[in-house]
N, C-alpha and C. Protein backbone atom coordinates (compact mmCIF):
# COMPACT_ATOMS: atom_id res chain seq x y z
N MET A 1 -12.92 10.66 45.96
CA MET A 1 -11.39 10.54 46.14
C MET A 1 -10.44 11.45 45.01
N LEU A 2 -9.59 11.84 45.33
CA LEU A 2 -8.29 12.58 44.66
C LEU A 2 -7.61 11.25 44.24
N PRO A 3 -7.16 11.19 42.88
CA PRO A 3 -6.02 10.80 42.42
C PRO A 3 -4.88 10.94 42.86
N HIS A 4 -4.07 10.10 43.01
CA HIS A 4 -2.47 9.78 43.68
C HIS A 4 -2.17 10.79 42.59
N PRO A 5 -0.74 11.92 42.99
CA PRO A 5 0.04 12.50 42.22
C PRO A 5 0.48 12.08 41.31
N LEU A 6 1.35 10.89 41.83
CA LEU A 6 2.15 10.12 40.57
C LEU A 6 1.11 9.50 38.99
N THR A 7 -0.06 9.18 39.76
CA THR A 7 -1.17 8.50 38.45
C THR A 7 -1.36 9.96 37.93
N ALA A 8 -1.65 10.85 38.27
CA ALA A 8 -2.09 12.16 37.15
C ALA A 8 -1.02 12.38 36.06
N ARG A 9 0.59 12.41 36.90
CA ARG A 9 1.20 12.63 35.89
C ARG A 9 1.69 11.70 34.88
N LEU A 10 1.39 10.35 35.59
CA LEU A 10 1.62 9.09 34.59
C LEU A 10 0.58 9.17 33.42
N HIS A 11 -0.89 9.68 33.54
CA HIS A 11 -1.95 9.83 32.58
C HIS A 11 -1.61 11.19 31.98
N ARG A 12 -0.90 12.18 32.06
CA ARG A 12 -0.61 13.26 31.67
C ARG A 12 0.52 12.85 30.43
N ALA A 13 1.70 11.95 30.96
CA ALA A 13 2.47 11.85 30.24
C ALA A 13 1.84 10.57 29.16
N THR A 14 1.26 9.65 29.25
CA THR A 14 0.86 8.74 28.38
C THR A 14 -0.14 9.38 27.58
N THR A 15 -0.72 10.77 28.00
CA THR A 15 -1.81 11.69 26.91
C THR A 15 -0.69 12.07 25.99
N GLN A 16 0.33 12.60 26.56
CA GLN A 16 1.35 13.51 25.52
C GLN A 16 2.00 12.26 24.43
N ILE A 17 2.74 11.12 24.90
CA ILE A 17 2.94 9.99 24.28
C ILE A 17 1.92 10.14 22.99
N ASN A 18 0.56 9.27 23.24
CA ASN A 18 -0.43 9.09 22.86
C ASN A 18 -0.28 10.35 21.35
N ALA A 19 -0.60 11.39 22.04
CA ALA A 19 -0.83 12.81 20.97
C ALA A 19 0.38 12.64 19.94
N GLY A 20 1.76 12.32 20.69
CA GLY A 20 3.06 12.45 19.53
C GLY A 20 2.52 11.34 18.35
N ALA A 21 2.52 10.06 18.90
CA ALA A 21 2.59 9.01 17.89
C ALA A 21 1.49 9.20 16.88
N VAL A 22 0.09 9.83 17.40
CA VAL A 22 -0.55 10.16 16.46
C VAL A 22 -0.18 11.02 15.23
N LEU A 23 0.56 12.36 16.00
CA LEU A 23 1.68 13.35 15.04
C LEU A 23 2.48 12.70 14.10
N THR A 24 3.33 11.94 14.90
CA THR A 24 4.18 11.23 13.82
C THR A 24 4.15 10.17 13.38
N LEU A 25 3.34 8.85 13.43
CA LEU A 25 2.98 7.69 12.99
C LEU A 25 2.56 7.71 11.49
N PRO A 26 1.82 8.60 11.16
CA PRO A 26 1.60 8.75 9.60
C PRO A 26 2.97 9.32 8.87
N LEU A 27 3.83 10.29 9.13
CA LEU A 27 4.85 10.73 8.81
C LEU A 27 5.73 9.54 8.57
N LEU A 28 6.16 8.80 9.43
CA LEU A 28 6.75 7.56 9.47
C LEU A 28 6.58 6.39 8.95
N ALA A 29 4.90 6.38 8.29
CA ALA A 29 5.01 5.52 7.51
C ALA A 29 4.64 5.69 6.23
N ARG A 30 4.65 6.81 5.80
CA ARG A 30 5.07 7.40 4.63
C ARG A 30 6.42 7.58 4.34
N LEU A 31 7.21 7.74 5.05
CA LEU A 31 8.65 7.75 5.03
C LEU A 31 8.91 6.80 4.73
N THR A 32 8.29 5.63 5.49
CA THR A 32 8.98 4.06 5.31
C THR A 32 8.85 3.72 3.98
N PHE A 33 7.00 3.79 3.48
CA PHE A 33 6.72 3.05 2.36
C PHE A 33 7.43 3.57 1.18
N ALA A 34 7.84 4.93 1.31
CA ALA A 34 8.94 5.73 0.23
C ALA A 34 9.91 4.91 -0.06
N ALA A 35 10.72 4.20 0.98
CA ALA A 35 12.17 4.40 1.18
C ALA A 35 11.88 2.62 0.97
N VAL A 36 11.12 1.77 1.18
CA VAL A 36 10.74 0.57 1.05
C VAL A 36 10.23 0.20 -0.23
N LEU A 37 8.87 0.75 -0.53
CA LEU A 37 8.17 0.31 -1.62
C LEU A 37 7.68 1.02 -2.58
N LEU A 38 8.15 2.44 -2.56
CA LEU A 38 7.78 3.20 -4.24
C LEU A 38 8.52 2.66 -5.15
N ARG A 39 9.71 2.57 -5.13
CA ARG A 39 10.64 2.30 -6.26
C ARG A 39 10.16 0.76 -6.47
N TYR A 40 9.82 -0.20 -5.74
CA TYR A 40 9.53 -1.50 -5.92
C TYR A 40 8.19 -1.57 -6.70
N PHE A 41 7.11 -0.63 -6.43
CA PHE A 41 6.04 -0.65 -6.78
C PHE A 41 6.02 -0.10 -8.68
N TRP A 42 6.46 1.03 -8.64
CA TRP A 42 7.03 1.74 -10.03
C TRP A 42 7.86 0.90 -10.68
N ALA A 43 8.62 0.24 -10.52
CA ALA A 43 9.61 -0.64 -11.08
C ALA A 43 8.50 -1.83 -11.95
N SER A 44 7.90 -2.52 -10.73
CA SER A 44 6.66 -3.38 -11.31
C SER A 44 5.91 -2.71 -12.59
N ALA A 45 5.44 -1.89 -12.24
CA ALA A 45 4.26 -1.29 -13.48
C ALA A 45 5.23 -0.68 -14.60
N LEU A 46 6.44 -0.60 -14.79
CA LEU A 46 7.03 -0.04 -15.79
C LEU A 46 7.49 -1.61 -16.36
N THR A 47 7.58 -2.67 -15.79
CA THR A 47 7.85 -3.86 -16.63
C THR A 47 6.59 -4.23 -17.75
N LYS A 48 5.32 -3.46 -17.16
CA LYS A 48 4.27 -3.97 -17.54
C LYS A 48 3.67 -3.30 -18.92
N LEU A 49 4.44 -1.87 -19.11
CA LEU A 49 4.23 -1.33 -20.24
C LEU A 49 5.41 -1.10 -21.18
N GLU A 50 4.85 -0.66 -22.85
CA GLU A 50 5.75 -0.46 -23.57
C GLU A 50 5.69 1.03 -23.91
N GLY A 51 4.46 1.55 -23.82
CA GLY A 51 4.50 2.72 -23.75
C GLY A 51 2.95 3.26 -23.17
N PRO A 52 2.46 4.32 -22.82
CA PRO A 52 1.17 4.83 -22.26
C PRO A 52 0.04 3.75 -22.62
N PHE A 53 -0.19 3.63 -23.72
CA PHE A 53 -1.52 2.54 -23.67
C PHE A 53 -1.18 1.02 -24.17
N THR A 54 0.22 0.69 -24.19
CA THR A 54 0.83 -0.55 -24.99
C THR A 54 1.35 -1.29 -23.68
N LEU A 55 0.63 -2.61 -23.84
CA LEU A 55 1.09 -3.22 -22.53
C LEU A 55 2.14 -4.78 -23.19
N SER A 56 3.44 -4.71 -22.24
CA SER A 56 4.03 -5.95 -22.72
C SER A 56 3.73 -7.17 -22.58
N PHE A 57 4.16 -7.97 -23.45
CA PHE A 57 3.98 -9.48 -23.52
C PHE A 57 4.14 -9.72 -21.78
N ASN A 58 4.81 -9.00 -20.87
CA ASN A 58 5.44 -9.54 -19.42
C ASN A 58 4.07 -9.45 -18.66
N ALA A 59 3.24 -8.35 -19.37
CA ALA A 59 2.38 -7.93 -18.17
C ALA A 59 1.26 -8.94 -18.24
N TYR A 60 0.79 -9.59 -19.15
CA TYR A 60 -0.38 -10.67 -19.58
C TYR A 60 0.35 -11.53 -18.80
N ALA A 61 1.56 -12.29 -18.96
CA ALA A 61 2.27 -13.30 -18.13
C ALA A 61 2.26 -13.22 -16.90
N GLN A 62 2.61 -11.75 -15.99
CA GLN A 62 2.46 -11.29 -14.79
C GLN A 62 0.98 -11.75 -14.19
N ILE A 63 0.23 -10.98 -15.24
CA ILE A 63 -1.45 -10.65 -14.45
C ILE A 63 -2.14 -12.25 -14.65
N PHE A 64 -2.30 -12.59 -15.51
CA PHE A 64 -2.92 -13.53 -15.86
C PHE A 64 -1.92 -15.17 -16.41
N PRO A 65 -1.42 -15.40 -15.84
CA PRO A 65 -0.07 -16.58 -15.98
C PRO A 65 -0.91 -17.96 -16.38
N ARG A 66 -1.94 -18.54 -15.86
CA ARG A 66 -2.60 -19.52 -16.31
C ARG A 66 -3.38 -19.59 -17.69
N LYS A 67 -4.22 -18.10 -17.79
CA LYS A 67 -4.55 -18.15 -19.38
C LYS A 67 -3.70 -17.76 -20.01
N MET A 68 -2.29 -17.19 -19.86
CA MET A 68 -1.62 -17.10 -20.88
C MET A 68 -1.16 -18.78 -21.44
N GLU A 69 -0.34 -19.28 -20.29
CA GLU A 69 -0.06 -20.89 -20.30
C GLU A 69 -0.62 -21.39 -21.25
N ALA A 70 -2.59 -21.30 -21.04
CA ALA A 70 -3.14 -21.93 -21.56
C ALA A 70 -3.07 -21.64 -23.23
N ALA A 71 -2.87 -20.41 -23.40
CA ALA A 71 -3.02 -19.74 -24.64
C ALA A 71 -1.69 -20.22 -25.55
N GLY A 72 -0.82 -20.99 -24.71
CA GLY A 72 0.08 -20.84 -25.88
C GLY A 72 1.07 -20.05 -25.38
N TYR A 73 1.04 -18.92 -24.82
CA TYR A 73 1.88 -17.94 -24.85
C TYR A 73 1.58 -16.96 -25.67
N ASP A 74 0.36 -17.37 -26.19
CA ASP A 74 -0.02 -15.95 -27.20
C ASP A 74 -1.14 -14.78 -26.93
N ILE A 75 -1.00 -13.60 -27.05
CA ILE A 75 -1.71 -12.99 -26.38
C ILE A 75 -3.10 -12.30 -27.28
N SER A 76 -3.13 -12.76 -28.61
CA SER A 76 -3.37 -12.42 -29.74
C SER A 76 -5.45 -12.91 -29.28
N GLY A 77 -5.34 -13.96 -28.34
CA GLY A 77 -6.72 -14.17 -27.89
C GLY A 77 -7.43 -13.44 -26.15
N PHE A 78 -6.57 -12.67 -26.25
CA PHE A 78 -6.78 -11.68 -24.99
C PHE A 78 -7.66 -10.43 -25.39
N GLY A 79 -8.72 -10.02 -24.85
CA GLY A 79 -9.18 -8.96 -25.15
C GLY A 79 -9.40 -7.89 -24.44
N ALA A 80 -10.67 -6.93 -24.18
CA ALA A 80 -10.54 -5.59 -23.35
C ALA A 80 -10.77 -6.09 -21.86
N PHE A 81 -10.99 -7.09 -21.74
CA PHE A 81 -11.17 -7.15 -20.34
C PHE A 81 -10.06 -7.52 -19.76
N GLU A 82 -9.13 -8.23 -20.42
CA GLU A 82 -7.81 -8.53 -19.61
C GLU A 82 -6.88 -7.34 -20.05
N TRP A 83 -6.87 -6.21 -20.73
CA TRP A 83 -6.32 -4.82 -21.33
C TRP A 83 -6.63 -4.16 -19.95
N LEU A 84 -7.86 -3.98 -19.99
CA LEU A 84 -8.47 -2.76 -18.99
C LEU A 84 -8.02 -3.33 -17.58
N THR A 85 -8.10 -4.23 -17.24
CA THR A 85 -7.47 -5.35 -16.07
C THR A 85 -6.09 -4.68 -15.74
N ILE A 86 -5.45 -5.15 -16.53
CA ILE A 86 -3.68 -4.73 -16.44
C ILE A 86 -3.52 -3.65 -16.56
N MET A 87 -4.03 -2.57 -17.35
CA MET A 87 -4.36 -1.06 -17.53
C MET A 87 -4.28 -0.46 -16.18
N ALA A 88 -5.35 -0.96 -15.62
CA ALA A 88 -5.87 -0.60 -14.18
C ALA A 88 -4.86 -0.90 -12.99
N GLY A 89 -4.02 -2.16 -13.25
CA GLY A 89 -3.70 -2.26 -12.07
C GLY A 89 -2.12 -1.74 -12.16
N THR A 90 -2.03 -1.45 -13.39
CA THR A 90 -0.61 -0.71 -13.97
C THR A 90 -0.59 0.61 -13.22
N TYR A 91 -1.15 1.53 -13.84
CA TYR A 91 -1.68 2.45 -13.17
C TYR A 91 -2.03 2.88 -11.82
N ALA A 92 -2.47 1.77 -11.21
CA ALA A 92 -2.54 1.77 -10.03
C ALA A 92 -1.25 1.59 -9.02
N GLU A 93 -0.38 0.87 -9.62
CA GLU A 93 0.70 0.78 -9.33
C GLU A 93 1.73 2.36 -9.40
N PHE A 94 1.42 3.17 -10.18
CA PHE A 94 2.20 4.20 -10.41
C PHE A 94 1.54 5.33 -9.25
N LEU A 95 -0.01 5.47 -9.41
CA LEU A 95 -0.62 6.09 -8.81
C LEU A 95 -0.82 6.18 -7.48
N LEU A 96 -1.12 5.24 -6.52
CA LEU A 96 -1.41 4.93 -5.26
C LEU A 96 0.08 5.14 -4.39
N PRO A 97 0.72 4.57 -4.82
CA PRO A 97 2.15 5.23 -4.40
C PRO A 97 2.30 6.53 -3.72
N ALA A 98 1.99 7.23 -5.17
CA ALA A 98 2.55 8.29 -5.60
C ALA A 98 1.85 9.53 -4.38
N LEU A 99 0.49 9.02 -4.55
CA LEU A 99 -0.52 9.78 -3.47
C LEU A 99 0.14 9.60 -2.26
N ILE A 100 0.42 8.52 -1.62
CA ILE A 100 0.61 7.85 -0.31
C ILE A 100 2.05 9.05 -0.04
N VAL A 101 2.82 8.94 -0.46
CA VAL A 101 4.34 9.34 -0.76
C VAL A 101 3.87 11.22 -0.08
N LEU A 102 2.66 11.63 -1.06
CA LEU A 102 2.61 13.09 -1.09
C LEU A 102 1.45 13.27 -0.15
N GLY A 103 0.83 12.05 0.45
CA GLY A 103 0.14 12.63 1.68
C GLY A 103 -1.40 12.58 1.22
N LEU A 104 -1.82 13.01 -0.31
CA LEU A 104 -2.95 12.94 -0.79
C LEU A 104 -3.91 12.11 -1.06
N ALA A 105 -5.06 12.25 -0.36
CA ALA A 105 -5.96 11.04 -0.49
C ALA A 105 -5.44 9.94 0.07
N THR A 106 -4.63 10.21 1.31
CA THR A 106 -3.63 9.08 1.97
C THR A 106 -4.99 7.99 2.41
N ARG A 107 -5.79 8.06 3.08
CA ARG A 107 -6.60 6.62 3.67
C ARG A 107 -6.99 5.72 2.15
N LEU A 108 -7.63 6.57 1.28
CA LEU A 108 -8.13 6.13 -0.05
C LEU A 108 -6.85 5.44 -0.57
N ALA A 109 -6.03 6.13 -0.86
CA ALA A 109 -5.14 5.41 -1.10
C ALA A 109 -3.96 4.13 -0.85
N ALA A 110 -4.40 4.35 1.09
CA ALA A 110 -3.94 3.33 1.57
C ALA A 110 -4.76 1.71 1.53
N LEU A 111 -5.75 2.30 1.45
CA LEU A 111 -6.86 1.08 1.50
C LEU A 111 -6.65 0.55 -0.20
N GLY A 112 -6.52 1.27 -0.91
CA GLY A 112 -6.39 0.83 -2.67
C GLY A 112 -5.23 -0.28 -2.51
N MET A 113 -4.14 0.47 -1.89
CA MET A 113 -2.76 -0.25 -1.78
C MET A 113 -3.07 -1.84 -1.29
N ILE A 114 -3.47 -1.74 -0.32
CA ILE A 114 -4.04 -2.94 0.38
C ILE A 114 -4.50 -3.66 -0.22
N GLY A 115 -5.77 -3.17 -0.98
CA GLY A 115 -6.30 -3.86 -1.96
C GLY A 115 -5.78 -4.82 -3.08
N PHE A 116 -4.77 -3.89 -3.50
CA PHE A 116 -3.73 -4.02 -4.57
C PHE A 116 -2.85 -5.37 -4.00
N ILE A 117 -2.24 -5.11 -2.84
CA ILE A 117 -1.34 -6.51 -2.47
C ILE A 117 -2.13 -7.65 -2.11
N ILE A 118 -3.19 -7.46 -1.73
CA ILE A 118 -4.00 -8.82 -1.17
C ILE A 118 -4.09 -9.79 -2.81
N VAL A 119 -4.37 -8.78 -3.91
CA VAL A 119 -4.93 -9.20 -5.36
C VAL A 119 -3.26 -9.69 -5.98
N GLN A 120 -2.16 -8.72 -5.70
CA GLN A 120 -1.35 -9.16 -5.80
C GLN A 120 -0.66 -10.53 -5.25
N SER A 121 -0.58 -10.91 -4.06
CA SER A 121 -0.15 -11.94 -3.46
C SER A 121 -1.28 -13.44 -3.62
N LEU A 122 -2.65 -13.15 -4.03
CA LEU A 122 -3.24 -14.03 -4.48
C LEU A 122 -2.97 -14.42 -6.03
N THR A 123 -2.32 -13.48 -6.80
CA THR A 123 -2.02 -13.82 -8.03
C THR A 123 -0.43 -14.68 -7.83
N ASP A 124 0.31 -14.49 -7.17
CA ASP A 124 1.40 -14.85 -7.15
C ASP A 124 1.40 -16.48 -6.52
N VAL A 125 0.67 -16.34 -5.02
CA VAL A 125 0.07 -18.15 -5.00
C VAL A 125 -0.84 -18.90 -5.89
N ILE A 126 -1.94 -18.20 -6.49
CA ILE A 126 -2.62 -19.11 -7.21
C ILE A 126 -2.49 -18.80 -8.57
N GLY A 127 -2.32 -17.87 -9.27
CA GLY A 127 -1.72 -17.79 -10.46
C GLY A 127 -0.65 -18.36 -10.84
N HIS A 128 0.66 -18.14 -10.49
CA HIS A 128 2.11 -18.67 -10.62
C HIS A 128 2.13 -19.67 -9.40
N GLY A 129 1.65 -20.12 -8.50
CA GLY A 129 2.00 -21.25 -7.69
C GLY A 129 2.98 -21.52 -7.07
N LEU A 130 3.03 -20.19 -6.32
CA LEU A 130 4.50 -19.93 -5.80
C LEU A 130 3.87 -21.58 -4.37
N GLY A 131 5.41 -22.36 -3.82
CA GLY A 131 5.01 -22.94 -3.38
C GLY A 131 5.10 -22.48 -1.67
N ALA A 132 4.88 -23.30 -0.33
CA ALA A 132 4.73 -23.00 0.80
C ALA A 132 5.78 -22.24 1.55
N GLU A 133 7.33 -23.07 0.80
CA GLU A 133 7.97 -21.97 1.41
C GLU A 133 8.51 -20.76 1.27
N THR A 134 7.77 -20.30 0.01
CA THR A 134 8.03 -18.82 -0.51
C THR A 134 6.64 -18.22 0.15
N VAL A 135 5.46 -18.74 0.42
CA VAL A 135 4.35 -17.98 0.76
C VAL A 135 4.33 -18.10 2.41
N GLY A 136 4.94 -19.20 3.00
CA GLY A 136 5.29 -19.01 4.19
C GLY A 136 4.12 -18.91 5.39
N ALA A 137 4.60 -19.24 6.70
CA ALA A 137 3.14 -19.18 7.87
C ALA A 137 3.53 -18.14 8.55
N LEU A 138 2.18 -17.75 9.54
CA LEU A 138 2.58 -16.67 10.44
C LEU A 138 2.71 -17.57 11.31
N PHE A 139 3.26 -16.83 12.52
CA PHE A 139 3.52 -17.45 13.72
C PHE A 139 4.31 -18.82 13.64
N ASP A 140 5.11 -19.02 12.67
CA ASP A 140 5.93 -19.87 12.47
C ASP A 140 7.48 -18.81 13.04
N ARG A 141 8.32 -19.86 13.52
CA ARG A 141 9.66 -19.01 13.62
C ARG A 141 10.75 -18.48 12.40
N HIS A 142 10.07 -18.33 11.22
CA HIS A 142 10.76 -17.73 10.34
C HIS A 142 10.11 -16.33 9.86
N SER A 143 11.06 -15.57 9.87
CA SER A 143 10.63 -14.34 9.37
C SER A 143 10.78 -13.76 7.86
N ASP A 144 11.46 -14.11 6.80
CA ASP A 144 11.44 -13.96 5.58
C ASP A 144 10.44 -14.60 4.54
N ALA A 145 9.67 -15.08 4.69
CA ALA A 145 8.44 -15.51 4.06
C ALA A 145 7.97 -14.32 2.68
N LEU A 146 8.47 -14.61 1.73
CA LEU A 146 8.29 -13.65 0.76
C LEU A 146 6.89 -12.59 0.54
N ILE A 147 5.87 -13.75 0.95
CA ILE A 147 4.34 -13.54 0.77
C ILE A 147 4.16 -12.88 1.97
N LEU A 148 3.37 -13.88 3.05
CA LEU A 148 3.09 -13.63 4.28
C LEU A 148 3.63 -12.87 5.35
N ASP A 149 4.85 -13.15 5.65
CA ASP A 149 5.54 -11.97 6.38
C ASP A 149 5.89 -10.76 6.19
N GLN A 150 6.45 -10.62 4.47
CA GLN A 150 6.74 -9.27 4.42
C GLN A 150 5.60 -8.76 3.92
N ARG A 151 4.41 -8.81 3.37
CA ARG A 151 3.20 -8.49 2.76
C ARG A 151 2.57 -8.16 3.77
N ALA A 152 2.61 -8.65 5.55
CA ALA A 152 1.87 -8.54 6.53
C ALA A 152 2.21 -6.65 7.20
N PHE A 153 3.49 -6.99 6.95
CA PHE A 153 4.32 -5.72 7.24
C PHE A 153 3.84 -4.70 6.16
N TRP A 154 3.94 -4.73 5.32
CA TRP A 154 3.55 -3.53 4.28
C TRP A 154 1.98 -3.48 4.65
N VAL A 155 1.52 -4.07 4.75
CA VAL A 155 -0.34 -3.59 5.41
C VAL A 155 -0.61 -3.06 6.61
N LEU A 156 0.57 -3.48 7.40
CA LEU A 156 0.51 -2.71 8.89
C LEU A 156 0.36 -1.53 8.76
N GLY A 157 2.09 -0.90 7.84
CA GLY A 157 2.03 0.40 7.83
C GLY A 157 0.90 0.82 6.93
N LEU A 158 0.53 0.35 5.78
CA LEU A 158 -0.91 1.15 5.29
C LEU A 158 -1.85 1.04 5.91
N LEU A 159 -2.01 0.13 7.08
CA LEU A 159 -3.65 0.49 8.17
C LEU A 159 -3.13 1.87 8.95
N THR A 160 -2.16 1.63 9.37
CA THR A 160 -1.53 2.90 10.10
C THR A 160 -2.07 4.13 9.39
N LEU A 161 -1.90 4.46 7.84
CA LEU A 161 -2.30 5.22 7.01
C LEU A 161 -3.89 5.20 6.96
N ALA A 162 -4.42 4.24 7.04
CA ALA A 162 -6.18 4.18 6.63
C ALA A 162 -6.41 4.54 7.60
N GLY A 163 -5.89 4.40 8.77
CA GLY A 163 -6.34 4.73 10.42
C GLY A 163 -6.26 6.30 10.60
N LEU A 164 -5.14 6.43 10.46
CA LEU A 164 -4.63 7.84 11.10
C LEU A 164 -4.58 9.24 10.13
N GLY A 165 -4.54 8.95 8.28
CA GLY A 165 -4.72 9.62 7.31
C GLY A 165 -2.88 10.12 7.54
N GLY A 166 -2.77 11.20 6.80
CA GLY A 166 -1.22 11.32 6.23
C GLY A 166 -0.47 12.38 6.90
N GLY A 167 -1.13 12.31 7.82
CA GLY A 167 -0.54 13.43 9.36
C GLY A 167 -0.27 14.55 8.83
N VAL A 168 0.42 15.21 9.73
CA VAL A 168 1.07 16.95 10.02
C VAL A 168 1.47 17.12 8.32
N PHE A 169 2.34 16.76 8.38
CA PHE A 169 3.19 16.84 7.04
C PHE A 169 2.52 16.16 5.98
N SER A 170 1.46 16.92 5.46
CA SER A 170 0.86 15.92 4.23
C SER A 170 0.05 17.23 3.25
N LEU A 171 -0.35 16.91 1.95
CA LEU A 171 -1.31 17.69 1.46
C LEU A 171 -2.78 17.69 1.93
N ASP A 172 -3.02 16.47 2.27
CA ASP A 172 -4.72 16.05 2.98
C ASP A 172 -4.43 17.14 4.03
N ARG A 173 -3.46 17.20 4.96
CA ARG A 173 -3.71 18.33 6.07
C ARG A 173 -3.35 20.01 5.36
N LEU A 174 -2.88 20.26 4.43
CA LEU A 174 -2.81 21.66 3.94
C LEU A 174 -4.28 21.54 3.05
N ILE A 175 -4.67 20.79 2.25
CA ILE A 175 -5.84 20.91 1.82
C ILE A 175 -6.94 21.27 3.23
N SER A 176 -6.81 20.31 4.15
CA SER A 176 -7.63 20.36 5.34
C SER A 176 -7.62 22.36 5.87
N LYS A 177 -6.62 22.27 6.13
CA LYS A 177 -6.65 23.65 6.78
C LYS A 177 -7.20 24.55 5.91
N ARG A 178 -6.77 24.90 4.52
CA ARG A 178 -7.19 25.71 3.75
C ARG A 178 -8.56 26.08 3.24
N CYS A 179 -9.27 24.86 3.72
CA CYS A 179 -10.79 24.70 3.19
C CYS A 179 -11.74 24.95 4.43
N GLN A 180 -11.00 25.32 5.73
CA GLN A 180 -11.45 25.29 7.09
C GLN A 180 -12.05 26.88 6.79
N PRO A 181 -13.58 26.87 7.32
CA PRO A 181 -13.82 28.73 7.29
C PRO A 181 -12.89 29.56 8.30
N LYS A 182 -12.92 30.62 7.74
CA LYS A 182 -12.41 31.54 8.79
C LYS A 182 -13.20 32.45 9.25
N THR A 183 -12.67 32.33 10.81
CA THR A 183 -13.56 33.12 12.17
C THR A 183 -12.93 34.10 12.35
N ALA A 184 -14.50 35.19 12.54
CA ALA A 184 -13.79 36.47 13.07
C ALA A 184 -13.19 36.55 14.19
N ALA A 185 -12.35 37.37 14.76
CA ALA A 185 -11.68 37.45 16.36
C ALA A 185 -11.90 38.24 16.98
């Protein structure tokens, strides 16, 4: 039995819409990330550095708030582990967003940012002791909680990039095209 002509047309239209979404969603996700989060993460990273390898006092307070309080806000007791942790996180705040905007190693950078956001959120909630009004709750009628609501949207865009890659207008695509073997015509 042959499909109804309307069904066939609907199927073709749906296929074209899906193909268009796969082409445009990564670019839109990267542009949205650049517009909304790029400067946020870079500004955050800059607060942690006094020089390329010199951490600010705030860096220790931001990343290890409970340990900082227990040490009486004296960083002299902090060692290599804390320094390495903060440096890695700080440079990740510079590098991963840049990779996403450029569309270079996009899937890996997006997964790295998702992990970063999870650690950032846990530090905010556990380390800084943010209350329920800031953390929020999913499926409530409020859409302005700084932790769950906002960061759920951040992760959604990053999941799009992790799943679909950087898209047509990305360095990933350019490199992929250049690395493909030439075929004889």
